[in-house]
Amino acid sequence: MALKIYGIIYLAFTAFYIQDLLVTGQLNLVYILSILFSTMYVIGLWGYIFRKAIFTAGIWLRIFYLACFGTSLLLIKATITENNIVMYTSLFGVLFSVPLIVVLYKYSNKDLPLWLSEDFINKGEVLSEMLSGMDELTATKETESNDSIRINTVKVTQNDKGFLVQLSKEKNGTREEYSEKFDNLGAVAKYIENYSMIKTNDLEPVSVQPNE
């Protein structure tokens, strides 16, 4: 409820700010970019409040960094100005932006269920059953076409902090390795199927025996 109230207040401030710029005719490039960014912040804020997937988590992570950068500039402005009105106004802007920054950070979390289709949510449940009582899931797939040999290998392991996906891509002897951490197995399934040739049903459970 508190977040919705904040969203309404932020929307009102943004609308007033845009209206003021339009009335005063201050529409240079800087103010146009300011309007654009403010609009994006409002979209992200309400997308998180109503749990709606707008754009992608990656886009919102970049917007989160942008909001942090803008707020940092505002804080610097507050510390170097000799005008008390500008200082207090800037400090108010910094404090008022803190909840927005927190929301944008949370909204950019790729593990949020809202970024997953029902198909990947179901595949996450399948992976959960496969990992039950097992140490890891692995799969390797090889394809050959036009004198090119591609090999993808995936390993999924679980620990107290979540799930670790290790992806290896090899093409004609050149190997690239990637590693990503997740809290949601649906996000694990999405990552594997989007960034490799391997599908969820290709994975097989493995029990790693301790060294004697």
Foldseek 3Di string as FASTA:
>chain_A
DVLVVLLVVLVVVLVVLVVVCVVVVVDDPVVVVVNVLSVVLSVLSVCLVVVADDDALVVLVVSLVVLVVVLVVLCVQLVPDPDPVSNVVSVVVNVSCVVSSVSSNVSSALQDCSRFDPVLLVLLVVVVVQCVVFAKKKAKDWDDDPNKIKIKIWIWGADPVAIKIWIWIDIPRDIDIDIDGYRTSSSVQVCDVVPHVDHSVRIHTHHDDDDD
